[in-house]
Amino acid sequence: MDLPFDDLDARGFAVVGPMLTPGECLSLTSLYGEQAPFRSRIVMANSGFGRGEYKYFAYPLPDIVQRLRHELYPRLVPLANRWNAAMGIDISYPPTHAEFLARCHAAGQTRPTPLLLQYGPDDYNCLHQDLYGAHVFPLQVAFLLSRPSEDFTGGEFVLTEQRPRMQSRIEVVPLQHGAGIIFAVSHRPVQGSRGIYRVNLRHGVSRVRSGLRHTLGVIFHDAA
């Protein structure tokens, strides 16, 4: 599957897939009730992050999650390096995810960041950025594991983009079962009349109106 780089350049996000089969979605969702695959559980309301909860996977990652990290990273590296060059950021990313993780781990970022999120009725996720240390890969992917209108209603993926001296721009992105959204972690370059400038992005999830919504988050940098 070709990745929609034009959409990423134009809007800072792109929808892909479905990339996960219904069986893969179910196998990931079924892990949520277990303890062994995870290193920690976060209840969002306890930290003011919203409502709902999520769990960070422990190493070794489930095969599906490891495959997605391993296969998507090298396909996104050319765009990540081009964005950094355009914004004057003197950081380039190595061609393989193993090399990038070695960079993270050498700096003390050794905790895995892929996660499963669970939302019930009236749960939501506040706008945020997934920054876990000095080393940050500028793109990440979220996969919808539940079936819209069948397993849950509401719970739309939301992005905001803040451009200098302008009001925030909002995108509400509906996703299909098994589809993913690739999006900027914190900022991206935009071509303006006076050259390229940097815009900041945040993401979240709107209120779930009914049912249960599960999402897989694939973040490529590890946490300190």
Protein backbone atom coordinates (compact mmCIF):
# COMPACT_ATOMS: atom_id res chain seq x y z
CA MET A 1 0.00 0.00 0.00
CA ASP A 2 1.35 3.41 -1.00
CA LEU A 3 1.33 5.98 1.76
CA PRO A 4 -0.50 9.25 0.94
CA PHE A 5 2.38 11.68 1.37
CA ASP A 6 0.49 14.42 -0.47
CA ASP A 7 -2.22 14.36 2.23
CA LEU A 8 0.39 14.42 4.98
CA ASP A 9 2.09 17.42 3.41
CA ALA A 10 -1.18 19.25 2.81
CA ARG A 11 -2.97 18.57 6.12
CA GLY A 12 -0.57 16.93 8.54
CA PHE A 13 -2.51 13.67 8.54
CA ALA A 14 -3.65 10.91 6.20
CA VAL A 15 -6.06 7.98 6.54
CA VAL A 16 -4.81 4.58 5.35
CA GLY A 17 -6.33 1.16 5.03
CA PRO A 18 -8.01 -0.71 6.52
CA MET A 19 -4.57 -2.13 7.36
CA LEU A 20 -5.75 -4.53 10.07
CA THR A 21 -8.15 -7.41 9.46
CA PRO A 22 -11.22 -7.89 11.70
CA GLY A 23 -9.44 -10.86 13.27
CA GLU A 24 -6.35 -8.79 14.04
CA CYS A 25 -8.51 -6.05 15.56
CA LEU A 26 -10.27 -8.57 17.76
CA SER A 27 -7.04 -10.23 18.88
CA LEU A 28 -5.60 -6.86 19.95
CA THR A 29 -8.80 -5.75 21.68
CA SER A 30 -8.98 -9.03 23.59
CA LEU A 31 -5.58 -8.30 25.15
CA TYR A 32 -6.95 -5.34 27.09
CA GLY A 33 -8.25 -7.44 29.97
CA GLU A 34 -4.88 -9.14 30.48
CA GLN A 35 -1.95 -7.93 32.56
CA ALA A 36 1.10 -9.68 31.11
CA PRO A 37 1.33 -7.78 27.78
CA PHE A 38 1.47 -4.36 29.46
CA ARG A 39 3.89 -2.32 31.56
CA SER A 40 1.40 0.24 32.94
CA ARG A 41 -2.23 1.34 33.02
CA ILE A 42 -3.31 5.00 32.95
CA VAL A 43 -6.74 6.21 34.08
CA MET A 44 -7.13 9.50 32.22
CA ALA A 45 -9.32 11.24 34.80
CA ASN A 46 -6.62 10.83 37.46
CA SER A 47 -4.22 13.04 35.48
CA GLY A 48 -6.70 15.39 33.83
CA PHE A 49 -6.19 13.79 30.42
CA GLY A 50 -9.90 13.22 29.84
CA ARG A 51 -11.99 10.13 30.62
CA GLY A 52 -11.24 6.54 29.72
CA GLU A 53 -8.02 4.62 30.12
CA TYR A 54 -5.10 3.16 28.27
CA LYS A 55 -2.31 0.63 28.73
CA TYR A 56 1.27 0.78 27.47
CA PHE A 57 2.61 -2.46 26.06
CA ALA A 58 5.71 -4.05 27.58
CA TYR A 59 8.55 -5.56 25.58
CA PRO A 60 8.39 -7.89 23.77
CA LEU A 61 5.55 -6.29 21.84
CA PRO A 62 2.76 -8.41 20.35
CA ASP A 63 3.68 -9.60 16.87
CA ILE A 64 1.12 -7.36 15.14
CA VAL A 65 2.34 -4.25 16.93
CA GLN A 66 5.99 -5.09 16.31
CA ARG A 67 5.26 -5.66 12.62
CA LEU A 68 3.47 -2.34 12.23
CA ARG A 69 6.32 -0.47 13.92
CA HIS A 70 8.95 -2.29 11.86
CA GLU A 71 7.19 -1.90 8.50
CA LEU A 72 5.78 1.62 8.79
CA TYR A 73 8.83 3.39 10.20
CA PRO A 74 11.12 3.06 7.13
CA ARG A 75 8.29 4.14 4.84
CA LEU A 76 7.81 7.32 6.88
CA VAL A 77 11.51 8.18 7.32
CA PRO A 78 11.87 10.06 3.98
CA LEU A 79 8.97 12.36 4.88
CA ALA A 80 10.23 12.85 8.45
CA ASN A 81 13.68 13.83 7.20
CA ARG A 82 12.23 16.14 4.56
CA TRP A 83 10.01 17.88 7.13
CA ASN A 84 12.93 18.44 9.50
CA ALA A 85 15.08 19.84 6.69
CA ALA A 86 12.27 22.19 5.65
CA MET A 87 11.90 23.48 9.22
CA GLY A 88 15.63 23.87 9.74
CA ILE A 89 15.78 21.11 12.36
CA ASP A 90 19.23 19.53 12.32
CA ILE A 91 18.03 15.99 13.06
CA SER A 92 17.83 13.13 10.59
CA TYR A 93 16.42 9.68 11.21
CA PRO A 94 18.18 6.39 10.37
CA PRO A 95 16.66 4.08 7.77
CA THR A 96 15.58 1.28 10.13
CA HIS A 97 13.50 1.35 13.28
CA ALA A 98 16.08 -0.78 15.11
CA GLU A 99 18.68 1.94 14.56
CA PHE A 100 16.31 4.64 15.77
CA LEU A 101 15.40 2.65 18.89
CA ALA A 102 19.11 2.20 19.62
CA ARG A 103 19.39 6.00 19.58
CA CYS A 104 16.45 6.31 21.98
CA HIS A 105 17.75 3.63 24.32
CA ALA A 106 21.25 5.14 24.43
CA ALA A 107 19.61 8.35 25.71
CA GLY A 108 17.68 6.52 28.43
CA GLN A 109 14.39 6.25 26.50
CA THR A 110 13.89 2.52 26.99
CA ARG A 111 10.18 2.11 27.80
CA PRO A 112 7.94 1.04 24.89
CA THR A 113 5.22 3.49 23.91
CA PRO A 114 2.70 1.55 21.74
CA LEU A 115 -0.58 1.46 23.63
CA LEU A 116 -4.16 0.24 23.69
CA LEU A 117 -6.85 2.78 24.56
CA GLN A 118 -10.33 1.97 25.85
CA TYR A 119 -13.26 4.42 25.95
CA GLY A 120 -16.76 3.83 27.29
CA PRO A 121 -19.86 6.06 27.28
CA ASP A 122 -19.01 9.74 27.92
CA ASP A 123 -15.26 9.05 27.74
CA TYR A 124 -13.00 11.31 25.70
CA ASN A 125 -9.33 12.18 25.26
CA CYS A 126 -8.15 15.78 25.69
CA LEU A 127 -6.01 17.38 23.01
CA HIS A 128 -2.35 16.44 23.55
CA GLN A 129 1.00 15.53 22.01
CA ASP A 130 2.81 12.24 22.61
CA LEU A 131 6.27 13.49 23.57
CA TYR A 132 8.24 11.17 25.82
CA GLY A 133 11.82 12.45 25.76
CA ALA A 134 14.44 14.28 23.71
CA HIS A 135 14.23 11.84 20.81
CA VAL A 136 10.89 12.11 18.99
CA PHE A 137 9.92 10.64 15.64
CA PRO A 138 7.61 13.27 14.11
CA LEU A 139 4.86 10.92 12.87
CA GLN A 140 2.69 8.34 14.58
CA VAL A 141 -0.28 6.11 13.69
CA ALA A 142 -3.57 5.28 15.42
CA PHE A 143 -5.69 2.29 14.37
CA LEU A 144 -9.39 1.94 15.12
CA LEU A 145 -10.02 -1.57 16.48
CA SER A 146 -13.78 -1.22 17.06
CA ARG A 147 -16.65 -1.00 14.58
CA PRO A 148 -18.24 2.45 14.26
CA SER A 149 -22.02 2.47 14.73
CA GLU A 150 -21.92 -1.17 15.86
CA ASP A 151 -19.50 -1.28 18.80
CA PHE A 152 -19.72 2.43 19.62
CA THR A 153 -21.06 5.80 18.51
CA GLY A 154 -19.34 9.18 18.74
CA GLY A 155 -15.66 9.01 19.60
CA GLU A 156 -14.34 10.76 16.50
CA PHE A 157 -10.62 11.34 16.08
CA VAL A 158 -9.90 15.08 16.35
CA LEU A 159 -6.87 17.13 15.25
CA THR A 160 -6.16 20.81 15.81
CA GLU A 161 -3.53 22.86 14.04
CA GLN A 162 -2.29 26.19 15.39
CA ARG A 163 -0.71 28.51 12.83
CA PRO A 164 1.09 31.70 13.93
CA ARG A 165 -1.25 34.65 14.53
CA MET A 166 -4.29 32.60 13.43
CA GLN A 167 -7.16 30.74 15.11
CA SER A 168 -6.77 26.96 15.46
CA ARG A 169 -7.96 24.81 12.56
CA ILE A 170 -9.92 21.68 13.53
CA GLU A 171 -10.24 18.38 11.67
CA VAL A 172 -12.70 15.67 12.69
CA VAL A 173 -11.63 12.41 11.04
CA PRO A 174 -13.98 9.42 10.84
CA LEU A 175 -12.17 6.07 10.65
CA GLN A 176 -13.23 2.64 9.41
CA HIS A 177 -12.75 -0.56 11.36
CA GLY A 178 -9.07 -1.52 11.03
CA ALA A 179 -8.08 1.72 9.32
CA GLY A 180 -5.25 3.90 10.54
CA ILE A 181 -4.55 7.60 10.66
CA ILE A 182 -0.98 8.80 10.24
CA PHE A 183 -0.46 12.21 11.77
CA ALA A 184 2.16 14.66 12.96
CA VAL A 185 3.18 14.20 16.59
CA SER A 186 3.73 17.87 17.38
CA HIS A 187 4.56 20.07 14.37
CA ARG A 188 4.98 20.13 10.61
CA PRO A 189 6.14 22.54 7.90
CA VAL A 190 3.71 24.68 5.91
CA GLN A 191 4.54 26.72 2.82
CA GLY A 192 3.53 30.36 3.27
CA SER A 193 3.88 33.45 1.11
CA ARG A 194 7.19 34.28 2.82
CA GLY A 195 8.57 30.77 2.93
CA ILE A 196 8.12 27.72 5.13
CA TYR A 197 6.95 28.08 8.71
CA ARG A 198 6.17 25.63 11.50
CA VAL A 199 2.68 24.82 12.79
CA ASN A 200 1.82 22.95 15.98
CA LEU A 201 -0.65 20.07 16.11
CA ARG A 202 -2.52 18.30 18.87
CA HIS A 203 -4.85 15.32 18.72
CA GLY A 204 -7.61 13.79 20.83
CA VAL A 205 -10.91 11.90 20.73
CA SER A 206 -14.38 13.40 21.04
CA ARG A 207 -16.93 12.08 23.52
CA VAL A 208 -18.08 8.49 23.03
CA ARG A 209 -21.87 8.52 23.07
CA SER A 210 -22.45 4.80 23.51
CA GLY A 211 -20.64 1.49 23.49
CA LEU A 212 -16.96 0.66 23.82
CA ARG A 213 -14.20 2.04 21.57
CA HIS A 214 -10.69 0.52 21.36
CA THR A 215 -7.71 2.03 19.57
CA LEU A 216 -4.13 0.95 18.98
CA GLY A 217 -1.54 3.72 19.09
CA VAL A 218 1.76 3.09 17.31
CA ILE A 219 4.43 5.56 18.45
CA PHE A 220 7.92 5.03 17.08
CA HIS A 221 10.04 6.64 19.83
CA ASP A 222 10.34 5.05 23.26
CA ALA A 223 9.88 6.85 26.58
CA ALA A 224 12.33 7.94 29.25
